[in-house]
Amino acid sequence: ANLAIIKKKKIDVIEVSLTELAQISALNSPNEAVAIVKMQSHDIN
């Protein structure tokens, strides 16, 4: 469903099953996707 944006931004994606997703999820019921994101620093405006 999101292949176009994944390819455009060259995101490193790994296909997993819901069972595999549950191994890294903090939710009781994992939902389709988990991303690891870099922290952003923001100055107070």
PDB file of all heavy atoms in Angstrom:
ATOM      1  N   ALA A   1       0.819  -1.216   0.000  1.00  0.00           N
ATOM      2  CA  ALA A   1       0.000   0.000   0.000  1.00  0.00           C
ATOM      3  C   ALA A   1       0.855   1.270   0.000  1.00  0.00           C
ATOM      4  O   ALA A   1       0.400   2.333  -0.430  1.00  0.00           O
ATOM      5  CB  ALA A   1      -0.938  -0.004   1.204  1.00  0.00           C
ATOM      6  N   ASN A   2       2.099   1.151   0.483  1.00  0.00           N
ATOM      7  CA  ASN A   2       2.954   2.335   0.609  1.00  0.00           C
ATOM      8  C   ASN A   2       4.257   2.204  -0.177  1.00  0.00           C
ATOM      9  O   ASN A   2       5.239   2.886   0.106  1.00  0.00           O
ATOM     10  CB  ASN A   2       3.266   2.583   2.088  1.00  0.00           C
ATOM     11  CG  ASN A   2       2.022   2.874   2.901  1.00  0.00           C
ATOM     12  OD1 ASN A   2       1.501   3.982   2.905  1.00  0.00           O
ATOM     13  ND2 ASN A   2       1.530   1.851   3.597  1.00  0.00           N
ATOM     14  N   LEU A   3       4.237   1.339  -1.181  1.00  0.00           N
ATOM     15  CA  LEU A   3       5.457   1.010  -1.915  1.00  0.00           C
ATOM     16  C   LEU A   3       6.073   2.232  -2.605  1.00  0.00           C
ATOM     17  O   LEU A   3       7.300   2.386  -2.630  1.00  0.00           O
ATOM     18  CB  LEU A   3       5.169  -0.084  -2.953  1.00  0.00           C
ATOM     19  CG  LEU A   3       6.398  -0.712  -3.619  1.00  0.00           C
ATOM     20  CD1 LEU A   3       7.332  -1.319  -2.583  1.00  0.00           C
ATOM     21  CD2 LEU A   3       5.947  -1.782  -4.623  1.00  0.00           C
ATOM     22  N   ALA A   4       5.236   3.111  -3.126  1.00  0.00           N
ATOM     23  CA  ALA A   4       5.744   4.267  -3.858  1.00  0.00           C
ATOM     24  C   ALA A   4       6.600   5.161  -2.962  1.00  0.00           C
ATOM     25  O   ALA A   4       7.714   5.554  -3.344  1.00  0.00           O
ATOM     26  CB  ALA A   4       4.587   5.063  -4.459  1.00  0.00           C
ATOM     27  N   ILE A   5       6.100   5.489  -1.778  1.00  0.00           N
ATOM     28  CA  ILE A   5       6.844   6.371  -0.879  1.00  0.00           C
ATOM     29  C   ILE A   5       8.051   5.652  -0.297  1.00  0.00           C
ATOM     30  O   ILE A   5       9.103   6.268  -0.058  1.00  0.00           O
ATOM     31  CB  ILE A   5       5.932   6.927   0.244  1.00  0.00           C
ATOM     32  CG1 ILE A   5       6.666   8.022   1.025  1.00  0.00           C
ATOM     33  CG2 ILE A   5       5.458   5.834   1.173  1.00  0.00           C
ATOM     34  CD1 ILE A   5       6.968   9.268   0.235  1.00  0.00           C
ATOM     35  N   ILE A   6       7.938   4.350  -0.060  1.00  0.00           N
ATOM     36  CA  ILE A   6       9.069   3.571   0.456  1.00  0.00           C
ATOM     37  C   ILE A   6      10.224   3.589  -0.549  1.00  0.00           C
ATOM     38  O   ILE A   6      11.391   3.786  -0.179  1.00  0.00           O
ATOM     39  CB  ILE A   6       8.635   2.122   0.765  1.00  0.00           C
ATOM     40  CG1 ILE A   6       7.713   2.100   1.996  1.00  0.00           C
ATOM     41  CG2 ILE A   6       9.852   1.221   1.002  1.00  0.00           C
ATOM     42  CD1 ILE A   6       7.077   0.744   2.259  1.00  0.00           C
ATOM     43  N   LYS A   7       9.889   3.418  -1.821  1.00  0.00           N
ATOM     44  CA  LYS A   7      10.919   3.436  -2.870  1.00  0.00           C
ATOM     45  C   LYS A   7      11.471   4.845  -3.077  1.00  0.00           C
ATOM     46  O   LYS A   7      12.678   5.029  -3.235  1.00  0.00           O
ATOM     47  CB  LYS A   7      10.337   2.908  -4.174  1.00  0.00           C
ATOM     48  CG  LYS A   7      10.148   1.396  -4.211  1.00  0.00           C
ATOM     49  CD  LYS A   7       9.697   0.941  -5.592  1.00  0.00           C
ATOM     50  CE  LYS A   7       9.633  -0.581  -5.678  1.00  0.00           C
ATOM     51  NZ  LYS A   7       9.218  -1.040  -7.038  1.00  0.00           N
ATOM     52  N   LYS A   8      10.589   5.834  -3.069  1.00  0.00           N
ATOM     53  CA  LYS A   8      11.005   7.217  -3.296  1.00  0.00           C
ATOM     54  C   LYS A   8      12.004   7.663  -2.238  1.00  0.00           C
ATOM     55  O   LYS A   8      13.010   8.319  -2.550  1.00  0.00           O
ATOM     56  CB  LYS A   8       9.785   8.138  -3.294  1.00  0.00           C
ATOM     57  CG  LYS A   8      10.125   9.605  -3.507  1.00  0.00           C
ATOM     58  CD  LYS A   8       8.872  10.477  -3.465  1.00  0.00           C
ATOM     59  CE  LYS A   8       9.223  11.950  -3.635  1.00  0.00           C
ATOM     60  NZ  LYS A   8       8.019  12.807  -3.575  1.00  0.00           N
ATOM     61  N   LYS A   9      11.747   7.312  -0.979  1.00  0.00           N
ATOM     62  CA  LYS A   9      12.617   7.747   0.107  1.00  0.00           C
ATOM     63  C   LYS A   9      13.707   6.725   0.431  1.00  0.00           C
ATOM     64  O   LYS A   9      14.496   6.924   1.350  1.00  0.00           O
ATOM     65  CB  LYS A   9      11.771   8.028   1.357  1.00  0.00           C
ATOM     66  CG  LYS A   9      10.762   9.148   1.157  1.00  0.00           C
ATOM     67  CD  LYS A   9      10.048   9.512   2.437  1.00  0.00           C
ATOM     68  CE  LYS A   9      10.981  10.188   3.417  1.00  0.00           C
ATOM     69  NZ  LYS A   9      10.257  10.687   4.601  1.00  0.00           N
ATOM     70  N   LYS A  10      13.720   5.636  -0.350  1.00  0.00           N
ATOM     71  CA  LYS A  10      14.736   4.586  -0.180  1.00  0.00           C
ATOM     72  C   LYS A  10      14.804   4.084   1.259  1.00  0.00           C
ATOM     73  O   LYS A  10      15.875   3.966   1.856  1.00  0.00           O
ATOM     74  CB  LYS A  10      16.105   5.105  -0.634  1.00  0.00           C
ATOM     75  CG  LYS A  10      16.146   5.510  -2.100  1.00  0.00           C
ATOM     76  CD  LYS A  10      17.512   6.039  -2.495  1.00  0.00           C
ATOM     77  CE  LYS A  10      17.535   6.459  -3.966  1.00  0.00           C
ATOM     78  NZ  LYS A  10      18.846   7.006  -4.391  1.00  0.00           N
ATOM     79  N   ILE A  11      13.639   3.793   1.796  1.00  0.00           N
ATOM     80  CA  ILE A  11      13.535   3.307   3.177  1.00  0.00           C
ATOM     81  C   ILE A  11      13.932   1.836   3.243  1.00  0.00           C
ATOM     82  O   ILE A  11      13.488   1.029   2.424  1.00  0.00           O
ATOM     83  CB  ILE A  11      12.101   3.510   3.717  1.00  0.00           C
ATOM     84  CG1 ILE A  11      11.780   5.004   3.788  1.00  0.00           C
ATOM     85  CG2 ILE A  11      11.929   2.863   5.088  1.00  0.00           C
ATOM     86  CD1 ILE A  11      10.329   5.309   4.114  1.00  0.00           C
ATOM     87  N   ASP A  12      14.756   1.519   4.204  1.00  0.00           N
ATOM     88  CA  ASP A  12      15.174   0.129   4.412  1.00  0.00           C
ATOM     89  C   ASP A  12      14.028  -0.627   5.076  1.00  0.00           C
ATOM     90  O   ASP A  12      13.786  -0.470   6.277  1.00  0.00           O
ATOM     91  CB  ASP A  12      16.426   0.104   5.290  1.00  0.00           C
ATOM     92  CG  ASP A  12      17.013  -1.297   5.422  1.00  0.00           C
ATOM     93  OD1 ASP A  12      16.447  -2.240   4.825  1.00  0.00           O
ATOM     94  OD2 ASP A  12      18.024  -1.454   6.129  1.00  0.00           O
ATOM     95  N   VAL A  13      13.300  -1.416   4.305  1.00  0.00           N
ATOM     96  CA  VAL A  13      12.114  -2.103   4.801  1.00  0.00           C
ATOM     97  C   VAL A  13      12.341  -3.604   4.848  1.00  0.00           C
ATOM     98  O   VAL A  13      12.969  -4.181   3.954  1.00  0.00           O
ATOM     99  CB  VAL A  13      10.867  -1.773   3.945  1.00  0.00           C
ATOM    100  CG1 VAL A  13      11.076  -2.174   2.489  1.00  0.00           C
ATOM    101  CG2 VAL A  13       9.620  -2.435   4.507  1.00  0.00           C
ATOM    102  N   ILE A  14      11.835  -4.227   5.904  1.00  0.00           N
ATOM    103  CA  ILE A  14      11.920  -5.680   6.061  1.00  0.00           C
ATOM    104  C   ILE A  14      10.504  -6.222   6.218  1.00  0.00           C
ATOM    105  O   ILE A  14       9.773  -5.807   7.125  1.00  0.00           O
ATOM    106  CB  ILE A  14      12.761  -6.071   7.291  1.00  0.00           C
ATOM    107  CG1 ILE A  14      14.206  -5.581   7.112  1.00  0.00           C
ATOM    108  CG2 ILE A  14      12.734  -7.576   7.517  1.00  0.00           C
ATOM    109  CD1 ILE A  14      15.092  -5.836   8.310  1.00  0.00           C
ATOM    110  N   GLU A  15      10.113  -7.108   5.322  1.00  0.00           N
ATOM    111  CA  GLU A  15       8.782  -7.699   5.411  1.00  0.00           C
ATOM    112  C   GLU A  15       8.757  -8.722   6.538  1.00  0.00           C
ATOM    113  O   GLU A  15       9.633  -9.589   6.644  1.00  0.00           O
ATOM    114  CB  GLU A  15       8.391  -8.373   4.101  1.00  0.00           C
ATOM    115  CG  GLU A  15       6.961  -8.937   4.114  1.00  0.00           C
ATOM    116  CD  GLU A  15       6.562  -9.560   2.792  1.00  0.00           C
ATOM    117  OE1 GLU A  15       7.071  -9.130   1.735  1.00  0.00           O
ATOM    118  OE2 GLU A  15       5.725 -10.493   2.822  1.00  0.00           O
ATOM    119  N   VAL A  16       7.731  -8.629   7.384  1.00  0.00           N
ATOM    120  CA  VAL A  16       7.587  -9.535   8.519  1.00  0.00           C
ATOM    121  C   VAL A  16       6.137  -9.979   8.632  1.00  0.00           C
ATOM    122  O   VAL A  16       5.240  -9.392   8.031  1.00  0.00           O
ATOM    123  CB  VAL A  16       8.010  -8.863   9.848  1.00  0.00           C
ATOM    124  CG1 VAL A  16       9.498  -8.539   9.853  1.00  0.00           C
ATOM    125  CG2 VAL A  16       7.182  -7.596  10.096  1.00  0.00           C
ATOM    126  N   SER A  17       5.919 -11.001   9.417  1.00  0.00           N
ATOM    127  CA  SER A  17       4.563 -11.443   9.728  1.00  0.00           C
ATOM    128  C   SER A  17       4.105 -10.742  11.002  1.00  0.00           C
ATOM    129  O   SER A  17       4.922 -10.135  11.720  1.00  0.00           O
ATOM    130  CB  SER A  17       4.541 -12.959   9.950  1.00  0.00           C
ATOM    131  OG  SER A  17       5.284 -13.292  11.114  1.00  0.00           O
ATOM    132  N   LEU A  18       2.824 -10.816  11.287  1.00  0.00           N
ATOM    133  CA  LEU A  18       2.324 -10.220  12.533  1.00  0.00           C
ATOM    134  C   LEU A  18       2.949 -10.887  13.746  1.00  0.00           C
ATOM    135  O   LEU A  18       3.188 -10.239  14.771  1.00  0.00           O
ATOM    136  CB  LEU A  18       0.798 -10.336  12.590  1.00  0.00           C
ATOM    137  CG  LEU A  18       0.009  -9.357  11.715  1.00  0.00           C
ATOM    138  CD1 LEU A  18      -1.484  -9.655  11.794  1.00  0.00           C
ATOM    139  CD2 LEU A  18       0.273  -7.910  12.138  1.00  0.00           C
ATOM    140  N   THR A  19       3.222 -12.181  13.641  1.00  0.00           N
ATOM    141  CA  THR A  19       3.864 -12.900  14.737  1.00  0.00           C
ATOM    142  C   THR A  19       5.266 -12.350  14.991  1.00  0.00           C
ATOM    143  O   THR A  19       5.669 -12.149  16.141  1.00  0.00           O
ATOM    144  CB  THR A  19       3.954 -14.402  14.423  1.00  0.00           C
ATOM    145  OG1 THR A  19       2.625 -14.909  14.223  1.00  0.00           O
ATOM    146  CG2 THR A  19       4.613 -15.168  15.557  1.00  0.00           C
ATOM    147  N   GLU A  20       5.996 -12.088  13.911  1.00  0.00           N
ATOM    148  CA  GLU A  20       7.341 -11.521  14.051  1.00  0.00           C
ATOM    149  C   GLU A  20       7.271 -10.086  14.567  1.00  0.00           C
ATOM    150  O   GLU A  20       8.098  -9.669  15.385  1.00  0.00           O
ATOM    151  CB  GLU A  20       8.058 -11.580  12.711  1.00  0.00           C
ATOM    152  CG  GLU A  20       8.436 -12.992  12.283  1.00  0.00           C
ATOM    153  CD  GLU A  20       8.989 -13.049  10.877  1.00  0.00           C
ATOM    154  OE1 GLU A  20       8.466 -12.323   9.992  1.00  0.00           O
ATOM    155  OE2 GLU A  20       9.950 -13.817  10.656  1.00  0.00           O
ATOM    156  N   LEU A  21       6.281  -9.335  14.098  1.00  0.00           N
ATOM    157  CA  LEU A  21       6.112  -7.952  14.527  1.00  0.00           C
ATOM    158  C   LEU A  21       5.879  -7.876  16.038  1.00  0.00           C
ATOM    159  O   LEU A  21       6.345  -6.952  16.707  1.00  0.00           O
ATOM    160  CB  LEU A  21       4.938  -7.321  13.775  1.00  0.00           C
ATOM    161  CG  LEU A  21       4.965  -5.802  13.556  1.00  0.00           C
ATOM    162  CD1 LEU A  21       6.205  -5.394  12.774  1.00  0.00           C
ATOM    163  CD2 LEU A  21       3.709  -5.367  12.825  1.00  0.00           C
ATOM    164  N   ALA A  22       5.174  -8.863  16.551  1.00  0.00           N
ATOM    165  CA  ALA A  22       4.867  -8.904  17.981  1.00  0.00           C
ATOM    166  C   ALA A  22       6.120  -8.995  18.839  1.00  0.00           C
ATOM    167  O   ALA A  22       6.114  -8.600  20.009  1.00  0.00           O
ATOM    168  CB  ALA A  22       3.937 -10.076  18.283  1.00  0.00           C
ATOM    169  N   GLN A  23       7.197  -9.501  18.269  1.00  0.00           N
ATOM    170  CA  GLN A  23       8.444  -9.669  19.020  1.00  0.00           C
ATOM    171  C   GLN A  23       9.109  -8.337  19.362  1.00  0.00           C
ATOM    172  O   GLN A  23       9.899  -8.257  20.306  1.00  0.00           O
ATOM    173  CB  GLN A  23       9.423 -10.543  18.231  1.00  0.00           C
ATOM    174  CG  GLN A  23       8.952 -11.972  18.024  1.00  0.00           C
ATOM    175  CD  GLN A  23       9.988 -12.793  17.267  1.00  0.00           C
ATOM    176  OE1 GLN A  23      11.132 -12.935  17.709  1.00  0.00           O
ATOM    177  NE2 GLN A  23       9.593 -13.353  16.137  1.00  0.00           N
ATOM    178  N   ILE A  24       8.800  -7.302  18.598  1.00  0.00           N
ATOM    179  CA  ILE A  24       9.415  -5.999  18.855  1.00  0.00           C
ATOM    180  C   ILE A  24       8.389  -4.938  19.226  1.00  0.00           C
ATOM    181  O   ILE A  24       8.749  -3.805  19.548  1.00  0.00           O
ATOM    182  CB  ILE A  24      10.215  -5.512  17.623  1.00  0.00           C
ATOM    183  CG1 ILE A  24       9.318  -5.399  16.389  1.00  0.00           C
ATOM    184  CG2 ILE A  24      11.393  -6.439  17.338  1.00  0.00           C
ATOM    185  CD1 ILE A  24      10.007  -4.793  15.179  1.00  0.00           C
ATOM    186  N   SER A  25       7.125  -5.289  19.206  1.00  0.00           N
ATOM    187  CA  SER A  25       6.059  -4.325  19.469  1.00  0.00           C
ATOM    188  C   SER A  25       5.884  -4.070  20.963  1.00  0.00           C
ATOM    189  O   SER A  25       6.064  -4.958  21.796  1.00  0.00           O
ATOM    190  CB  SER A  25       4.745  -4.830  18.876  1.00  0.00           C
ATOM    191  OG  SER A  25       3.671  -3.986  19.234  1.00  0.00           O
ATOM    192  N   ALA A  26       5.510  -2.825  21.299  1.00  0.00           N
ATOM    193  CA  ALA A  26       5.158  -2.479  22.671  1.00  0.00           C
ATOM    194  C   ALA A  26       3.651  -2.555  22.889  1.00  0.00           C
ATOM    195  O   ALA A  26       3.162  -2.344  23.991  1.00  0.00           O
ATOM    196  CB  ALA A  26       5.652  -1.068  22.992  1.00  0.00           C
ATOM    197  N   LEU A  27       2.917  -2.879  21.818  1.00  0.00           N
ATOM    198  CA  LEU A  27       1.461  -2.979  21.888  1.00  0.00           C
ATOM    199  C   LEU A  27       1.028  -4.409  22.168  1.00  0.00           C
ATOM    200  O   LEU A  27       1.733  -5.361  21.823  1.00  0.00           O
ATOM    201  CB  LEU A  27       0.828  -2.514  20.573  1.00  0.00           C
ATOM    202  CG  LEU A  27       1.142  -1.085  20.118  1.00  0.00           C
ATOM    203  CD1 LEU A  27       0.511  -0.827  18.754  1.00  0.00           C
ATOM    204  CD2 LEU A  27       0.640  -0.075  21.138  1.00  0.00           C
ATOM    205  N   ASN A  28      -0.132  -4.550  22.774  1.00  0.00           N
ATOM    206  CA  ASN A  28      -0.677  -5.895  23.007  1.00  0.00           C
ATOM    207  C   ASN A  28      -1.050  -6.561  21.686  1.00  0.00           C
ATOM    208  O   ASN A  28      -0.909  -7.781  21.532  1.00  0.00           O
ATOM    209  CB  ASN A  28      -1.906  -5.812  23.920  1.00  0.00           C
ATOM    210  CG  ASN A  28      -1.559  -5.395  25.332  1.00  0.00           C
ATOM    211  OD1 ASN A  28      -0.471  -5.708  25.817  1.00  0.00           O
ATOM    212  ND2 ASN A  28      -2.453  -4.679  25.997  1.00  0.00           N
ATOM    213  N   SER A  29      -1.524  -5.759  20.746  1.00  0.00           N
ATOM    214  CA  SER A  29      -1.882  -6.278  19.426  1.00  0.00           C
ATOM    215  C   SER A  29      -1.164  -5.464  18.362  1.00  0.00           C
ATOM    216  O   SER A  29      -1.624  -4.372  17.983  1.00  0.00           O
ATOM    217  CB  SER A  29      -3.401  -6.194  19.201  1.00  0.00           C
ATOM    218  OG  SER A  29      -4.096  -6.936  20.175  1.00  0.00           O
ATOM    219  N   PRO A  30      -0.015  -5.927  17.883  1.00  0.00           N
ATOM    220  CA  PRO A  30       0.749  -5.182  16.871  1.00  0.00           C
ATOM    221  C   PRO A  30      -0.066  -4.949  15.606  1.00  0.00           C
ATOM    222  O   PRO A  30      -0.871  -5.782  15.210  1.00  0.00           O
ATOM    223  CB  PRO A  30       1.963  -6.087  16.602  1.00  0.00           C
ATOM    224  CG  PRO A  30       1.542  -7.444  17.051  1.00  0.00           C
ATOM    225  CD  PRO A  30       0.618  -7.219  18.200  1.00  0.00           C
ATOM    226  N   ASN A  31       0.162  -3.787  14.977  1.00  0.00           N
ATOM    227  CA  ASN A  31      -0.680  -3.367  13.865  1.00  0.00           C
ATOM    228  C   ASN A  31       0.146  -3.022  12.622  1.00  0.00           C
ATOM    229  O   ASN A  31       0.552  -1.887  12.427  1.00  0.00           O
ATOM    230  CB  ASN A  31      -1.517  -2.165  14.298  1.00  0.00           C
ATOM    231  CG  ASN A  31      -2.457  -1.686  13.220  1.00  0.00           C
ATOM    232  OD1 ASN A  31      -2.533  -2.251  12.133  1.00  0.00           O
ATOM    233  ND2 ASN A  31      -3.171  -0.618  13.501  1.00  0.00           N
ATOM    234  N   GLU A  32       0.455  -4.009  11.818  1.00  0.00           N
ATOM    235  CA  GLU A  32       0.990  -3.888  10.453  1.00  0.00           C
ATOM    236  C   GLU A  32       2.415  -3.351  10.298  1.00  0.00           C
ATOM    237  O   GLU A  32       3.140  -3.778   9.421  1.00  0.00           O
ATOM    238  CB  GLU A  32       0.051  -3.061   9.567  1.00  0.00           C
ATOM    239  CG  GLU A  32      -1.288  -3.737   9.321  1.00  0.00           C
ATOM    240  CD  GLU A  32      -2.018  -3.171   8.115  1.00  0.00           C
ATOM    241  OE1 GLU A  32      -1.437  -2.376   7.366  1.00  0.00           O
ATOM    242  OE2 GLU A  32      -3.192  -3.531   7.933  1.00  0.00           O
ATOM    243  N   ALA A  33       2.825  -2.364  11.124  1.00  0.00           N
ATOM    244  CA  ALA A  33       4.132  -1.757  10.876  1.00  0.00           C
ATOM    245  C   ALA A  33       4.771  -1.209  12.145  1.00  0.00           C
ATOM    246  O   ALA A  33       4.087  -0.699  13.040  1.00  0.00           O
ATOM    247  CB  ALA A  33       3.999  -0.643   9.849  1.00  0.00           C
ATOM    248  N   VAL A  34       6.092  -1.312  12.191  1.00  0.00           N
ATOM    249  CA  VAL A  34       6.910  -0.700  13.242  1.00  0.00           C
ATOM    250  C   VAL A  34       8.090  -0.025  12.563  1.00  0.00           C
ATOM    251  O   VAL A  34       8.754  -0.624  11.711  1.00  0.00           O
ATOM    252  CB  VAL A  34       7.430  -1.744  14.258  1.00  0.00           C
ATOM    253  CG1 VAL A  34       8.444  -1.107  15.203  1.00  0.00           C
ATOM    254  CG2 VAL A  34       6.287  -2.363  15.057  1.00  0.00           C
ATOM    255  N   ALA A  35       8.350   1.227  12.917  1.00  0.00           N
ATOM    256  CA  ALA A  35       9.470   1.961  12.340  1.00  0.00           C
ATOM    257  C   ALA A  35      10.437   2.392  13.436  1.00  0.00           C
ATOM    258  O   ALA A  35      10.019   2.724  14.554  1.00  0.00           O
ATOM    259  CB  ALA A  35       8.978   3.188  11.578  1.00  0.00           C
ATOM    260  N   ILE A  36      11.712   2.345  13.113  1.00  0.00           N
ATOM    261  CA  ILE A  36      12.730   2.918  13.987  1.00  0.00           C
ATOM    262  C   ILE A  36      13.120   4.259  13.372  1.00  0.00           C
ATOM    263  O   ILE A  36      13.530   4.331  12.215  1.00  0.00           O
ATOM    264  CB  ILE A  36      13.949   2.001  14.105  1.00  0.00           C
ATOM    265  CG1 ILE A  36      13.543   0.657  14.733  1.00  0.00           C
ATOM    266  CG2 ILE A  36      15.036   2.660  14.950  1.00  0.00           C
ATOM    267  CD1 ILE A  36      14.681  -0.339  14.849  1.00  0.00           C
ATOM    268  N   VAL A  37      12.963   5.323  14.148  1.00  0.00           N
ATOM    269  CA  VAL A  37      13.105   6.685  13.627  1.00  0.00           C
ATOM    270  C   VAL A  37      14.193   7.434  14.386  1.00  0.00           C
ATOM    271  O   VAL A  37      14.349   7.276  15.600  1.00  0.00           O
ATOM    272  CB  VAL A  37      11.768   7.449  13.759  1.00  0.00           C
ATOM    273  CG1 VAL A  37      11.877   8.841  13.144  1.00  0.00           C
ATOM    274  CG2 VAL A  37      10.636   6.662  13.100  1.00  0.00           C
ATOM    275  N   LYS A  38      14.931   8.256  13.671  1.00  0.00           N
ATOM    276  CA  LYS A  38      15.975   9.061  14.289  1.00  0.00           C
ATOM    277  C   LYS A  38      15.352  10.228  15.049  1.00  0.00           C
ATOM    278  O   LYS A  38      14.430  10.883  14.567  1.00  0.00           O
ATOM    279  CB  LYS A  38      16.934   9.606  13.227  1.00  0.00           C
ATOM    280  CG  LYS A  38      18.095  10.410  13.791  1.00  0.00           C
ATOM    281  CD  LYS A  38      19.026  10.920  12.691  1.00  0.00           C
ATOM    282  CE  LYS A  38      20.167  11.738  13.279  1.00  0.00           C
ATOM    283  NZ  LYS A  38      21.076  12.237  12.217  1.00  0.00           N
ATOM    284  N   MET A  39      15.866  10.492  16.248  1.00  0.00           N
ATOM    285  CA  MET A  39      15.386  11.632  17.021  1.00  0.00           C
ATOM    286  C   MET A  39      15.744  12.936  16.320  1.00  0.00           C
ATOM    287  O   MET A  39      16.805  13.051  15.713  1.00  0.00           O
ATOM    288  CB  MET A  39      16.013  11.633  18.418  1.00  0.00           C
ATOM    289  CG  MET A  39      15.508  10.549  19.338  1.00  0.00           C
ATOM    290  SD  MET A  39      16.283  10.719  20.965  1.00  0.00           S
ATOM    291  CE  MET A  39      15.474   9.379  21.848  1.00  0.00           C
ATOM    292  N   GLN A  40      14.836  13.902  16.437  1.00  0.00           N
ATOM    293  CA  GLN A  40      15.063  15.223  15.865  1.00  0.00           C
ATOM    294  C   GLN A  40      15.249  16.232  17.001  1.00  0.00           C
ATOM    295  O   GLN A  40      14.553  16.169  18.008  1.00  0.00           O
ATOM    296  CB  GLN A  40      13.867  15.647  15.008  1.00  0.00           C
ATOM    297  CG  GLN A  40      13.539  14.696  13.885  1.00  0.00           C
ATOM    298  CD  GLN A  40      14.522  14.804  12.729  1.00  0.00           C
ATOM    299  OE1 GLN A  40      15.133  15.849  12.526  1.00  0.00           O
ATOM    300  NE2 GLN A  40      14.676  13.724  11.980  1.00  0.00           N
ATOM    301  N   SER A  41      16.173  17.155  16.836  1.00  0.00           N
ATOM    302  CA  SER A  41      16.344  18.213  17.840  1.00  0.00           C
ATOM    303  C   SER A  41      15.599  19.460  17.370  1.00  0.00           C
ATOM    304  O   SER A  41      15.656  19.821  16.192  1.00  0.00           O
ATOM    305  CB  SER A  41      17.824  18.534  18.050  1.00  0.00           C
ATOM    306  OG  SER A  41      18.422  18.961  16.847  1.00  0.00           O
ATOM    307  N   HIS A  42      14.881  20.099  18.287  1.00  0.00           N
ATOM    308  CA  HIS A  42      14.100  21.291  17.956  1.00  0.00           C
ATOM    309  C   HIS A  42      14.423  22.388  18.956  1.00  0.00           C
ATOM    310  O   HIS A  42      14.407  22.158  20.164  1.00  0.00           O
ATOM    311  CB  HIS A  42      12.595  21.001  18.016  1.00  0.00           C
ATOM    312  CG  HIS A  42      12.151  19.853  17.172  1.00  0.00           C
ATOM    313  ND1 HIS A  42      11.974  19.954  15.813  1.00  0.00           N
ATOM    314  CD2 HIS A  42      11.849  18.574  17.490  1.00  0.00           C
ATOM    315  CE1 HIS A  42      11.576  18.795  15.328  1.00  0.00           C
ATOM    316  NE2 HIS A  42      11.495  17.934  16.326  1.00  0.00           N
ATOM    317  N   ASP A  43      14.692  23.577  18.471  1.00  0.00           N
ATOM    318  CA  ASP A  43      14.853  24.725  19.353  1.00  0.00           C
ATOM    319  C   ASP A  43      13.472  25.223  19.760  1.00  0.00           C
ATOM    320  O   ASP A  43      12.499  25.100  19.005  1.00  0.00           O
ATOM    321  CB  ASP A  43      15.607  25.849  18.644  1.00  0.00           C
ATOM    322  CG  ASP A  43      17.056  25.478  18.373  1.00  0.00           C
ATOM    323  OD1 ASP A  43      17.619  24.682  19.152  1.00  0.00           O
ATOM    324  OD2 ASP A  43      17.607  25.967  17.369  1.00  0.00           O
ATOM    325  N   ILE A  44      13.396  25.780  20.954  1.00  0.00           N
ATOM    326  CA  ILE A  44      12.143  26.381  21.397  1.00  0.00           C
ATOM    327  C   ILE A  44      11.911  27.656  20.597  1.00  0.00           C
ATOM    328  O   ILE A  44      12.790  28.516  20.500  1.00  0.00           O
ATOM    329  CB  ILE A  44      12.186  26.694  22.905  1.00  0.00           C
ATOM    330  CG1 ILE A  44      12.355  25.407  23.709  1.00  0.00           C
ATOM    331  CG2 ILE A  44      10.922  27.428  23.346  1.00  0.00           C
ATOM    332  CD1 ILE A  44      12.574  25.636  25.201  1.00  0.00           C
ATOM    333  N   ASN A  45      10.718  27.781  20.024  1.00  0.00           N
ATOM    334  CA  ASN A  45      10.387  28.946  19.209  1.00  0.00           C
ATOM    335  C   ASN A  45       9.678  29.985  20.086  1.00  0.00           C
ATOM    336  O   ASN A  45       8.462  29.940  20.270  1.00  0.00           O
ATOM    337  CB  ASN A  45       9.494  28.537  18.033  1.00  0.00           C
ATOM    338  CG  ASN A  45       9.337  29.642  17.008  1.00  0.00           C
ATOM    339  OD1 ASN A  45       9.307  30.822  17.363  1.00  0.00           O
ATOM    340  ND2 ASN A  45       9.229  29.267  15.747  1.00  0.00           N
TER     341      ASN A  45
END
